[in-house]
Amino acid sequence: MIRVVVTGSECTGKTTLARALAAHYQTVCVPEFARQFVIDKGAAPDYADVEAIARGQIAIEDEGADDASRVLIQDTDLLSTIVYSHHYYDTLPDWIEEAFGKRAAALYLLADIDIPWVPDEGQRDRGDRRQELHELFRRFLLDRRLTFVEIRGSQDERSGAARAVIDRLIEEMP
């Protein structure tokens, strides 16, 4: 099975793209655990929540993998937990980075910031720092030599570019 993660900074169309790809490939779309965590908490997360968010993300990824066909589409993974923990708190529990190393996806689709910012109470707070956050995600992927493609343009352009890359990976599957 090929694990594909849509990643990037806030408000870049990740959820929309992940859902469209899962529908196209008739497979599971693993949601972003942190989004529901924040809704349930009723407040922005703090450093004390980082481990719970990471554990929750791992659990829903594993559950999704059990039900997926040849491709699993994820609306984020531990990469986001790592990037945002470092960004907001300047630290991260060591086990999360180690867990990420064992769970890295075959492909990351890095969503560009070329679509309009839409505020979302309690979920998005860095509209003025989109470029900085985008570069943090990009640097993380580069530093770890992970396979990624930057996805930009309209929803149709993003979806088409993502499908082209995923189709090539499927063709290469044994």
C-alpha atoms as a PDB file:
ATOM      1  CA  MET A   1       0.000   0.000   0.000  1.00  0.00           C
ATOM      2  CA  ILE A   2       1.170   3.519  -0.833  1.00  0.00           C
ATOM      3  CA  ARG A   3       0.786   6.113   1.925  1.00  0.00           C
ATOM      4  CA  VAL A   4       0.247   9.645   0.562  1.00  0.00           C
ATOM      5  CA  VAL A   5       0.116  12.637   2.902  1.00  0.00           C
ATOM      6  CA  VAL A   6      -1.221  16.055   2.005  1.00  0.00           C
ATOM      7  CA  THR A   7       0.762  18.475   4.150  1.00  0.00           C
ATOM      8  CA  GLY A   8       1.614  22.126   4.568  1.00  0.00           C
ATOM      9  CA  SER A   9       0.708  25.211   6.507  1.00  0.00           C
ATOM     10  CA  GLU A  10      -2.769  26.260   7.544  1.00  0.00           C
ATOM     11  CA  CYS A  11      -5.500  27.084   5.051  1.00  0.00           C
ATOM     12  CA  THR A  12      -3.887  25.665   1.940  1.00  0.00           C
ATOM     13  CA  GLY A  13      -6.665  23.359   0.767  1.00  0.00           C
ATOM     14  CA  LYS A  14      -5.215  20.177   2.279  1.00  0.00           C
ATOM     15  CA  THR A  15      -8.512  18.714   3.471  1.00  0.00           C
ATOM     16  CA  THR A  16     -10.280  19.440   0.200  1.00  0.00           C
ATOM     17  CA  LEU A  17      -7.470  17.868  -1.803  1.00  0.00           C
ATOM     18  CA  ALA A  18      -7.165  14.825   0.472  1.00  0.00           C
ATOM     19  CA  ARG A  19     -10.894  14.116   0.256  1.00  0.00           C
ATOM     20  CA  ALA A  20     -10.910  14.523  -3.536  1.00  0.00           C
ATOM     21  CA  LEU A  21      -7.969  12.145  -3.918  1.00  0.00           C
ATOM     22  CA  ALA A  22      -9.521   9.534  -1.634  1.00  0.00           C
ATOM     23  CA  ALA A  23     -12.755   9.705  -3.633  1.00  0.00           C
ATOM     24  CA  HIS A  24     -10.850   9.403  -6.922  1.00  0.00           C
ATOM     25  CA  TYR A  25      -8.887   6.353  -5.740  1.00  0.00           C
ATOM     26  CA  GLN A  26     -11.885   4.914  -3.898  1.00  0.00           C
ATOM     27  CA  THR A  27      -9.934   4.625  -0.684  1.00  0.00           C
ATOM     28  CA  VAL A  28      -9.774   5.938   2.840  1.00  0.00           C
ATOM     29  CA  CYS A  29      -9.035   9.548   3.708  1.00  0.00           C
ATOM     30  CA  VAL A  30      -7.469   9.770   7.168  1.00  0.00           C
ATOM     31  CA  PRO A  31      -8.516  13.075   8.737  1.00  0.00           C
ATOM     32  CA  GLU A  32      -6.347  15.448  10.718  1.00  0.00           C
ATOM     33  CA  PHE A  33      -6.690  14.350  14.343  1.00  0.00           C
ATOM     34  CA  ALA A  34      -5.676  17.769  15.743  1.00  0.00           C
ATOM     35  CA  ARG A  35      -8.698  19.468  14.128  1.00  0.00           C
ATOM     36  CA  GLN A  36     -11.208  17.334  16.031  1.00  0.00           C
ATOM     37  CA  PHE A  37      -9.043  17.494  19.158  1.00  0.00           C
ATOM     38  CA  VAL A  38      -9.273  21.308  19.160  1.00  0.00           C
ATOM     39  CA  ILE A  39     -13.035  21.190  18.570  1.00  0.00           C
ATOM     40  CA  ASP A  40     -13.495  18.735  21.440  1.00  0.00           C
ATOM     41  CA  LYS A  41     -11.200  20.727  23.738  1.00  0.00           C
ATOM     42  CA  GLY A  42     -12.940  23.986  22.894  1.00  0.00           C
ATOM     43  CA  ALA A  43      -9.633  25.836  22.947  1.00  0.00           C
ATOM     44  CA  ALA A  44      -6.338  26.066  21.115  1.00  0.00           C
ATOM     45  CA  PRO A  45      -3.905  23.268  21.928  1.00  0.00           C
ATOM     46  CA  ASP A  46      -0.938  23.825  24.205  1.00  0.00           C
ATOM     47  CA  TYR A  47       2.298  21.928  24.684  1.00  0.00           C
ATOM     48  CA  ALA A  48       0.634  19.534  27.144  1.00  0.00           C
ATOM     49  CA  ASP A  49      -1.602  18.388  24.255  1.00  0.00           C
ATOM     50  CA  VAL A  50       1.195  17.517  21.808  1.00  0.00           C
ATOM     51  CA  GLU A  51       1.572  13.896  22.911  1.00  0.00           C
ATOM     52  CA  ALA A  52      -2.191  13.265  22.889  1.00  0.00           C
ATOM     53  CA  ILE A  53      -2.442  14.750  19.404  1.00  0.00           C
ATOM     54  CA  ALA A  54       0.438  12.587  18.160  1.00  0.00           C
ATOM     55  CA  ARG A  55      -1.013   9.413  19.681  1.00  0.00           C
ATOM     56  CA  GLY A  56      -4.442  10.207  18.249  1.00  0.00           C
ATOM     57  CA  GLN A  57      -2.977  10.832  14.789  1.00  0.00           C
ATOM     58  CA  ILE A  58      -1.118   7.513  14.886  1.00  0.00           C
ATOM     59  CA  ALA A  59      -4.277   5.669  15.946  1.00  0.00           C
ATOM     60  CA  ILE A  60      -6.464   7.040  13.165  1.00  0.00           C
ATOM     61  CA  GLU A  61      -3.727   6.441  10.587  1.00  0.00           C
ATOM     62  CA  ASP A  62      -3.444   2.795  11.641  1.00  0.00           C
ATOM     63  CA  GLU A  63      -7.214   2.404  11.561  1.00  0.00           C
ATOM     64  CA  GLY A  64      -7.366   3.959   8.094  1.00  0.00           C
ATOM     65  CA  ALA A  65      -4.566   1.729   6.817  1.00  0.00           C
ATOM     66  CA  ASP A  66      -6.565  -1.343   7.830  1.00  0.00           C
ATOM     67  CA  ASP A  67      -9.440  -0.247   5.583  1.00  0.00           C
ATOM     68  CA  ALA A  68      -7.518   1.250   2.650  1.00  0.00           C
ATOM     69  CA  SER A  69      -7.043  -0.250  -0.767  1.00  0.00           C
ATOM     70  CA  ARG A  70      -3.746   0.169  -2.645  1.00  0.00           C
ATOM     71  CA  VAL A  71      -3.448   3.846  -1.617  1.00  0.00           C
ATOM     72  CA  LEU A  72      -4.031   5.530   1.735  1.00  0.00           C
ATOM     73  CA  ILE A  73      -4.628   9.283   1.588  1.00  0.00           C
ATOM     74  CA  GLN A  74      -3.905  11.276   4.729  1.00  0.00           C
ATOM     75  CA  ASP A  75      -4.902  14.822   5.551  1.00  0.00           C
ATOM     76  CA  THR A  76      -1.619  15.362   7.460  1.00  0.00           C
ATOM     77  CA  ASP A  77       0.502  13.115   9.675  1.00  0.00           C
ATOM     78  CA  LEU A  78       3.040  13.436  12.489  1.00  0.00           C
ATOM     79  CA  LEU A  79       5.028  15.838  10.322  1.00  0.00           C
ATOM     80  CA  SER A  80       2.508  18.572  11.176  1.00  0.00           C
ATOM     81  CA  THR A  81       2.699  17.756  14.873  1.00  0.00           C
ATOM     82  CA  ILE A  82       6.472  18.066  14.732  1.00  0.00           C
ATOM     83  CA  VAL A  83       6.559  21.290  12.718  1.00  0.00           C
ATOM     84  CA  TYR A  84       3.893  23.030  14.798  1.00  0.00           C
ATOM     85  CA  SER A  85       5.324  21.849  18.132  1.00  0.00           C
ATOM     86  CA  HIS A  86       8.692  23.324  17.204  1.00  0.00           C
ATOM     87  CA  HIS A  87       7.051  26.468  15.825  1.00  0.00           C
ATOM     88  CA  TYR A  88       4.812  27.184  18.821  1.00  0.00           C
ATOM     89  CA  TYR A  89       6.752  25.659  21.730  1.00  0.00           C
ATOM     90  CA  ASP A  90      10.373  25.313  20.506  1.00  0.00           C
ATOM     91  CA  THR A  91      10.417  21.676  21.612  1.00  0.00           C
ATOM     92  CA  LEU A  92       8.942  18.241  20.953  1.00  0.00           C
ATOM     93  CA  PRO A  93       8.765  14.982  22.901  1.00  0.00           C
ATOM     94  CA  ASP A  94      11.590  12.827  21.462  1.00  0.00           C
ATOM     95  CA  TRP A  95       9.429   9.786  20.799  1.00  0.00           C
ATOM     96  CA  ILE A  96       7.321  11.671  18.239  1.00  0.00           C
ATOM     97  CA  GLU A  97      10.260  12.344  15.923  1.00  0.00           C
ATOM     98  CA  GLU A  98      11.319   8.708  16.299  1.00  0.00           C
ATOM     99  CA  ALA A  99       7.790   7.482  15.547  1.00  0.00           C
ATOM    100  CA  PHE A 100       7.646   9.711  12.493  1.00  0.00           C
ATOM    101  CA  GLY A 101      10.868   8.190  11.190  1.00  0.00           C
ATOM    102  CA  LYS A 102       9.234   4.754  11.246  1.00  0.00           C
ATOM    103  CA  ARG A 103       5.962   5.965   9.686  1.00  0.00           C
ATOM    104  CA  ALA A 104       7.049   8.369   6.963  1.00  0.00           C
ATOM    105  CA  ALA A 105       4.876   8.266   3.866  1.00  0.00           C
ATOM    106  CA  ALA A 106       5.932   7.233   0.385  1.00  0.00           C
ATOM    107  CA  LEU A 107       4.829  10.630  -0.931  1.00  0.00           C
ATOM    108  CA  TYR A 108       4.127  14.048   0.536  1.00  0.00           C
ATOM    109  CA  LEU A 109       2.039  16.583  -1.355  1.00  0.00           C
ATOM    110  CA  LEU A 110       3.116  19.990  -0.053  1.00  0.00           C
ATOM    111  CA  ALA A 111       0.202  22.384  -0.548  1.00  0.00           C
ATOM    112  CA  ASP A 112       1.300  25.852  -1.603  1.00  0.00           C
ATOM    113  CA  ILE A 113       0.016  29.065  -0.038  1.00  0.00           C
ATOM    114  CA  ASP A 114      -1.279  30.376  -3.367  1.00  0.00           C
ATOM    115  CA  ILE A 115      -4.951  30.180  -2.353  1.00  0.00           C
ATOM    116  CA  PRO A 116      -6.756  32.764  -0.200  1.00  0.00           C
ATOM    117  CA  TRP A 117      -6.494  32.634   3.586  1.00  0.00           C
ATOM    118  CA  VAL A 118      -9.809  31.836   5.298  1.00  0.00           C
ATOM    119  CA  PRO A 119      -9.960  32.356   9.082  1.00  0.00           C
ATOM    120  CA  ASP A 120     -11.234  29.439  11.175  1.00  0.00           C
ATOM    121  CA  GLU A 121     -11.826  30.257  14.857  1.00  0.00           C
ATOM    122  CA  GLY A 122      -9.551  28.232  17.107  1.00  0.00           C
ATOM    123  CA  GLN A 123      -7.917  26.401  14.207  1.00  0.00           C
ATOM    124  CA  ARG A 124      -5.993  28.976  12.160  1.00  0.00           C
ATOM    125  CA  ASP A 125      -4.038  31.849  13.609  1.00  0.00           C
ATOM    126  CA  ARG A 126      -1.014  32.486  11.412  1.00  0.00           C
ATOM    127  CA  GLY A 127      -2.384  34.012   8.235  1.00  0.00           C
ATOM    128  CA  ASP A 128       0.332  36.645   8.346  1.00  0.00           C
ATOM    129  CA  ARG A 129       3.070  33.985   8.589  1.00  0.00           C
ATOM    130  CA  ARG A 130       2.032  31.620   5.804  1.00  0.00           C
ATOM    131  CA  GLN A 131       5.304  31.917   3.883  1.00  0.00           C
ATOM    132  CA  GLU A 132       7.341  31.232   7.014  1.00  0.00           C
ATOM    133  CA  LEU A 133       5.282  28.152   7.871  1.00  0.00           C
ATOM    134  CA  HIS A 134       5.355  26.908   4.292  1.00  0.00           C
ATOM    135  CA  GLU A 135       9.137  27.110   4.377  1.00  0.00           C
ATOM    136  CA  LEU A 136       9.247  25.215   7.697  1.00  0.00           C
ATOM    137  CA  PHE A 137       7.326  22.332   6.114  1.00  0.00           C
ATOM    138  CA  ARG A 138       9.467  22.443   2.987  1.00  0.00           C
ATOM    139  CA  ARG A 139      12.706  22.487   5.012  1.00  0.00           C
ATOM    140  CA  PHE A 140      11.503  19.555   7.134  1.00  0.00           C
ATOM    141  CA  LEU A 141      10.828  17.483   4.014  1.00  0.00           C
ATOM    142  CA  LEU A 142      14.151  18.430   2.421  1.00  0.00           C
ATOM    143  CA  ASP A 143      16.206  17.852   5.584  1.00  0.00           C
ATOM    144  CA  ARG A 144      14.814  14.336   5.943  1.00  0.00           C
ATOM    145  CA  ARG A 145      15.139  13.606   2.220  1.00  0.00           C
ATOM    146  CA  LEU A 146      11.464  12.697   1.952  1.00  0.00           C
ATOM    147  CA  THR A 147       9.769  12.383  -1.412  1.00  0.00           C
ATOM    148  CA  PHE A 148       7.495  15.356  -1.969  1.00  0.00           C
ATOM    149  CA  VAL A 149       5.879  17.392  -4.704  1.00  0.00           C
ATOM    150  CA  GLU A 150       4.728  20.964  -4.281  1.00  0.00           C
ATOM    151  CA  ILE A 151       1.100  21.319  -5.298  1.00  0.00           C
ATOM    152  CA  ARG A 152      -0.244  24.689  -6.405  1.00  0.00           C
ATOM    153  CA  GLY A 153      -2.927  26.327  -8.501  1.00  0.00           C
ATOM    154  CA  SER A 154      -6.679  25.860  -8.577  1.00  0.00           C
ATOM    155  CA  GLN A 155      -8.316  22.839  -6.960  1.00  0.00           C
ATOM    156  CA  ASP A 156      -8.511  21.167 -10.369  1.00  0.00           C
ATOM    157  CA  GLU A 157      -4.826  21.878 -11.067  1.00  0.00           C
ATOM    158  CA  ARG A 158      -3.820  20.612  -7.627  1.00  0.00           C
ATOM    159  CA  SER A 159      -5.881  17.469  -7.969  1.00  0.00           C
ATOM    160  CA  GLY A 160      -4.580  16.764 -11.473  1.00  0.00           C
ATOM    161  CA  ALA A 161      -0.946  17.229 -10.463  1.00  0.00           C
ATOM    162  CA  ALA A 162      -1.379  15.044  -7.390  1.00  0.00           C
ATOM    163  CA  ARG A 163      -3.125  12.273  -9.351  1.00  0.00           C
ATOM    164  CA  ALA A 164      -0.347  12.254 -11.956  1.00  0.00           C
ATOM    165  CA  VAL A 165       2.297  11.643  -9.282  1.00  0.00           C
ATOM    166  CA  ILE A 166       0.210   9.054  -7.430  1.00  0.00           C
ATOM    167  CA  ASP A 167      -0.592   7.230 -10.681  1.00  0.00           C
ATOM    168  CA  ARG A 168       3.141   6.910 -11.389  1.00  0.00           C
ATOM    169  CA  LEU A 169       3.693   5.419  -7.919  1.00  0.00           C
ATOM    170  CA  ILE A 170       0.860   2.941  -8.466  1.00  0.00           C
ATOM    171  CA  GLU A 171       2.334   1.907 -11.815  1.00  0.00           C
ATOM    172  CA  GLU A 172       5.665   1.227 -10.097  1.00  0.00           C
ATOM    173  CA  MET A 173       4.070  -0.984  -7.419  1.00  0.00           C
ATOM    174  CA  PRO A 174       5.122  -4.634  -7.591  1.00  0.00           C
END
